[in-house]
Amino acid sequence: MNGSRATPVIRLTLLLLTCLGSAALSQQAPEFTGVWMQDRARSGRWPAELPYTSAGRAAVSTFEENYRENPFDPGRFCVFQGMPVTMFITAYWTEFIQRPERMTIIFEISKPPRRIYTDGRGHPDDLYPTKNGHSIGQWEDNTLVVETVGLVAREGPVPGSEQQRIVERIRLEKDDIQGSVLVDELTIHDPIIFTEPIIITLYYTPWSDEDLLEYECSDGPWRDYLRELKEQRDRADK
């Protein structure tokens, strides 16, 4: 067999081995598939005091100066904020769909969904930054360990840079009332904004209704609002 014909065979063999390995791992792994509602009372949020770098403090100061007299709430304008803020959403359902090669997370209020690749691939070399970033995961016993990179910079009360790297440890825990809860421990690394990692733990309870409602909106009103705020500031500075 010559080299030109051997290469496709080798690639196919490696792909089959990867899929078989992923399937075996999936059979041993806990099942996250289902609709979940975040437990607001138990889940963490950004700490009141954050360990900002000088660049982080400057970004916060700029934000507060720009929006000091106006509420900054992209959510009420239907703006998709991306990771990690997307995972902090409460009062709306979140659906996990687990397959051997991928975990898909669908948010009732936000889109697009998250895709966590568990087929053994790495991050692309030519990664294009997005709000959700690029996520890959692997199982460590009963915990799915996820790394997300390739995130766009984020403006807000807690800013984020393009060097953000988020590591999640997602697992099931026994619960006396619910039977089991889904736990997502996020560790947010951002050397531009924070002097040390930030750890936030989220808890989700199972939801019997498997149908997510359609939540339709666009970013247009939000852009109009920001333009109006800028015009107000410009008039005040004259």
Protein backbone atom coordinates (compact mmCIF):
# COMPACT_ATOMS: atom_id res chain seq x y z
CA MET A 1 0.00 0.00 0.00
CA ASN A 2 1.52 3.33 -1.02
CA GLY A 3 1.66 6.40 1.24
CA SER A 4 -1.05 8.35 -0.59
CA ARG A 5 -3.57 5.54 0.05
CA ALA A 6 -2.34 4.70 3.55
CA THR A 7 -2.90 8.18 4.96
CA PRO A 8 -6.76 8.14 4.69
CA VAL A 9 -6.82 4.64 6.22
CA ILE A 10 -4.68 5.74 9.15
CA ARG A 11 -6.86 8.81 9.69
CA LEU A 12 -10.03 6.70 9.63
CA THR A 13 -8.52 4.22 12.08
CA LEU A 14 -7.54 7.00 14.50
CA LEU A 15 -11.01 8.53 14.21
CA LEU A 16 -12.68 5.19 14.98
CA LEU A 17 -10.42 4.60 17.97
CA THR A 18 -11.19 8.07 19.29
CA CYS A 19 -14.95 7.54 18.91
CA LEU A 20 -14.77 4.11 20.56
CA GLY A 21 -12.74 5.56 23.42
CA SER A 22 -15.18 8.43 23.85
CA ALA A 23 -18.14 6.03 23.85
CA ALA A 24 -16.51 3.85 26.50
CA LEU A 25 -15.87 6.87 28.68
CA SER A 26 -19.42 8.09 28.16
CA GLN A 27 -20.82 4.73 29.34
CA GLN A 28 -18.91 5.12 32.60
CA ALA A 29 -19.68 8.82 33.01
CA PRO A 30 -22.70 10.26 34.83
CA GLU A 31 -25.61 11.40 32.70
CA PHE A 32 -26.17 15.19 32.58
CA THR A 33 -28.83 15.13 29.85
CA GLY A 34 -31.98 16.98 30.88
CA VAL A 35 -33.43 20.38 31.71
CA TRP A 36 -32.05 22.17 34.78
CA MET A 37 -32.92 25.31 36.71
CA GLN A 38 -30.20 27.18 38.54
CA ASP A 39 -30.68 27.34 42.31
CA ARG A 40 -30.23 31.04 42.96
CA ALA A 41 -30.10 30.63 46.74
CA ARG A 42 -27.15 28.22 46.63
CA SER A 43 -25.26 29.47 43.58
CA GLY A 44 -22.39 31.90 43.89
CA ARG A 45 -21.83 35.18 42.08
CA TRP A 46 -18.97 37.62 41.56
CA PRO A 47 -17.40 38.40 44.96
CA ALA A 48 -18.04 41.90 46.29
CA GLU A 49 -14.29 42.53 46.41
CA LEU A 50 -12.34 41.34 43.39
CA PRO A 51 -8.51 41.16 43.12
CA TYR A 52 -8.08 43.57 40.21
CA THR A 53 -4.83 44.33 38.47
CA SER A 54 -4.09 47.97 37.62
CA ALA A 55 -5.50 47.33 34.13
CA GLY A 56 -8.58 45.74 35.68
CA ARG A 57 -9.17 48.71 37.98
CA ALA A 58 -8.75 51.08 35.04
CA ALA A 59 -11.36 49.14 33.03
CA VAL A 60 -13.81 49.27 35.95
CA SER A 61 -13.19 53.01 36.44
CA THR A 62 -13.82 53.69 32.75
CA PHE A 63 -17.02 51.69 32.85
CA GLU A 64 -18.28 53.46 35.98
CA GLU A 65 -17.47 56.84 34.47
CA ASN A 66 -19.39 56.03 31.31
CA TYR A 67 -22.44 54.59 33.03
CA ARG A 68 -22.40 56.23 36.47
CA GLU A 69 -25.91 57.64 36.14
CA ASN A 70 -27.49 54.84 34.15
CA PRO A 71 -28.17 51.18 34.89
CA PHE A 72 -26.04 48.76 32.91
CA ASP A 73 -28.18 45.69 32.30
CA PRO A 74 -27.65 44.14 28.86
CA GLY A 75 -29.91 41.25 29.85
CA ARG A 76 -33.07 43.35 29.86
CA PHE A 77 -32.20 44.36 26.29
CA CYS A 78 -31.82 40.72 25.26
CA VAL A 79 -28.08 41.03 24.69
CA PHE A 80 -26.18 37.74 24.66
CA GLN A 81 -23.23 38.27 27.02
CA GLY A 82 -21.34 35.02 26.57
CA MET A 83 -19.09 33.15 28.97
CA PRO A 84 -18.91 33.13 31.90
CA VAL A 85 -21.92 35.44 32.40
CA THR A 86 -24.21 33.12 30.43
CA MET A 87 -23.80 30.43 33.08
CA PHE A 88 -24.92 32.87 35.80
CA ILE A 89 -28.44 33.24 34.35
CA THR A 90 -31.25 32.41 36.78
CA ALA A 91 -35.04 32.14 36.39
CA TYR A 92 -34.66 30.50 32.97
CA TRP A 93 -34.06 26.87 32.11
CA THR A 94 -30.87 25.33 30.79
CA GLU A 95 -30.77 22.08 28.85
CA PHE A 96 -27.78 19.72 28.73
CA ILE A 97 -27.57 17.24 25.86
CA GLN A 98 -24.84 14.66 26.38
CA ARG A 99 -23.32 12.60 23.60
CA PRO A 100 -20.02 10.69 23.55
CA GLU A 101 -18.30 13.29 21.38
CA ARG A 102 -19.93 16.50 22.62
CA MET A 103 -21.87 18.16 25.44
CA THR A 104 -24.32 20.78 24.17
CA ILE A 105 -25.78 23.37 26.54
CA ILE A 106 -28.89 25.22 25.39
CA PHE A 107 -30.10 28.32 27.23
CA GLU A 108 -33.75 29.31 27.13
CA ILE A 109 -32.94 33.03 27.24
CA SER A 110 -29.63 33.17 25.37
CA LYS A 111 -28.26 31.91 22.11
CA PRO A 112 -26.17 30.47 20.55
CA PRO A 113 -25.76 27.26 22.59
CA ARG A 114 -22.47 26.15 24.08
CA ARG A 115 -20.67 23.16 22.62
CA ILE A 116 -18.13 21.31 24.72
CA TYR A 117 -16.14 18.87 22.58
CA THR A 118 -15.25 15.63 24.38
CA ASP A 119 -13.83 13.68 21.42
CA GLY A 120 -10.19 14.29 22.29
CA ARG A 121 -9.60 17.30 20.03
CA GLY A 122 -7.61 20.33 21.18
CA HIS A 123 -8.23 24.03 20.63
CA PRO A 124 -7.72 25.22 17.03
CA ASP A 125 -4.49 27.05 16.25
CA ASP A 126 -6.38 29.71 14.30
CA LEU A 127 -9.04 30.26 16.96
CA TYR A 128 -11.49 33.07 16.20
CA PRO A 129 -12.63 34.83 19.42
CA THR A 130 -16.34 34.61 20.20
CA LYS A 131 -18.56 35.36 23.19
CA ASN A 132 -18.83 31.68 24.11
CA GLY A 133 -15.26 30.85 23.20
CA HIS A 134 -14.06 27.35 22.31
CA SER A 135 -14.61 24.59 24.89
CA ILE A 136 -13.04 21.14 25.16
CA GLY A 137 -13.64 18.66 27.96
CA GLN A 138 -12.45 15.38 29.36
CA TRP A 139 -13.75 13.10 32.09
CA GLU A 140 -11.87 12.75 35.35
CA ASP A 141 -13.76 10.01 37.18
CA ASN A 142 -17.30 11.40 37.53
CA THR A 143 -16.37 15.02 36.77
CA LEU A 144 -16.34 16.68 33.35
CA VAL A 145 -13.39 19.08 33.29
CA VAL A 146 -13.90 21.80 30.67
CA GLU A 147 -11.45 24.42 29.40
CA THR A 148 -12.79 27.44 27.50
CA VAL A 149 -10.52 29.89 25.64
CA GLY A 150 -10.88 32.19 22.66
CA LEU A 151 -13.22 34.65 24.36
CA VAL A 152 -13.80 38.22 23.22
CA ALA A 153 -13.14 41.08 25.64
CA ARG A 154 -16.13 41.95 27.82
CA GLU A 155 -17.24 45.38 29.05
CA GLY A 156 -19.33 45.60 32.20
CA PRO A 157 -19.30 45.89 35.99
CA VAL A 158 -16.82 42.99 35.92
CA PRO A 159 -14.74 43.26 32.73
CA GLY A 160 -12.95 40.47 30.93
CA SER A 161 -10.02 40.40 28.51
CA GLU A 162 -9.29 38.22 25.50
CA GLN A 163 -6.82 36.31 27.68
CA GLN A 164 -9.61 34.84 29.80
CA ARG A 165 -9.37 31.11 30.36
CA ILE A 166 -12.22 29.39 32.16
CA VAL A 167 -11.94 25.93 33.71
CA GLU A 168 -15.16 24.21 34.79
CA ARG A 169 -15.60 21.07 36.87
CA ILE A 170 -19.13 19.78 36.26
CA ARG A 171 -20.48 16.90 38.31
CA LEU A 172 -23.60 15.44 39.94
CA GLU A 173 -24.05 15.49 43.70
CA LYS A 174 -26.62 13.64 45.79
CA ASP A 175 -29.36 15.82 47.26
CA ASP A 176 -31.86 14.83 49.97
CA ILE A 177 -34.70 16.78 48.33
CA GLN A 178 -34.01 16.66 44.59
CA GLY A 179 -32.25 13.31 44.48
CA SER A 180 -29.31 14.88 42.64
CA VAL A 181 -28.12 18.34 41.67
CA LEU A 182 -25.76 19.46 38.92
CA VAL A 183 -22.75 21.38 40.20
CA ASP A 184 -20.61 23.60 37.97
CA GLU A 185 -17.46 24.98 39.61
CA LEU A 186 -15.97 27.72 37.43
CA THR A 187 -12.41 28.96 37.84
CA ILE A 188 -11.86 32.16 35.88
CA HIS A 189 -8.28 32.97 34.94
CA ASP A 190 -7.66 36.43 33.49
CA PRO A 191 -4.13 37.78 34.09
CA ILE A 192 -5.02 41.12 32.48
CA ILE A 193 -7.97 41.79 34.82
CA PHE A 194 -7.34 39.75 38.00
CA THR A 195 -4.25 39.09 40.10
CA GLU A 196 -5.54 35.62 40.99
CA PRO A 197 -8.19 33.18 39.71
CA ILE A 198 -11.84 33.68 40.68
CA ILE A 199 -13.84 30.60 41.71
CA ILE A 200 -17.64 30.59 41.49
CA THR A 201 -19.79 27.51 42.10
CA LEU A 202 -23.25 27.12 40.55
CA TYR A 203 -25.97 24.63 41.51
CA TYR A 204 -28.74 23.38 39.22
CA THR A 205 -31.83 21.38 40.17
CA PRO A 206 -33.55 18.99 37.73
CA TRP A 207 -36.70 20.18 35.99
CA SER A 208 -39.43 17.79 34.87
CA ASP A 209 -40.64 19.87 31.92
CA GLU A 210 -38.34 19.09 28.98
CA ASP A 211 -39.67 21.78 26.64
CA LEU A 212 -37.80 25.08 26.55
CA LEU A 213 -39.85 28.10 25.55
CA GLU A 214 -38.78 30.25 22.64
CA TYR A 215 -37.28 33.54 23.80
CA GLU A 216 -36.97 35.87 20.83
CA CYS A 217 -35.22 39.24 20.88
CA SER A 218 -32.45 41.20 19.17
CA ASP A 219 -29.54 43.48 20.09
CA GLY A 220 -31.02 46.53 18.33
CA PRO A 221 -32.65 48.19 21.39
CA TRP A 222 -29.42 47.75 23.35
CA ARG A 223 -27.34 49.49 20.68
CA ASP A 224 -29.90 52.31 20.58
CA TYR A 225 -29.67 52.64 24.35
CA LEU A 226 -25.86 52.85 24.32
CA ARG A 227 -25.97 55.44 21.53
CA GLU A 228 -28.43 57.50 23.56
CA LEU A 229 -26.16 57.36 26.62
CA LYS A 230 -23.19 58.50 24.55
CA GLU A 231 -25.17 61.43 23.17
CA GLN A 232 -26.18 62.40 26.71
CA ARG A 233 -22.55 62.36 27.85
CA ASP A 234 -21.41 64.35 24.84
CA ARG A 235 -24.04 67.04 25.52
CA ALA A 236 -23.07 67.17 29.20
CA ASP A 237 -19.39 67.66 28.33
CA LYS A 238 -20.07 70.68 26.10
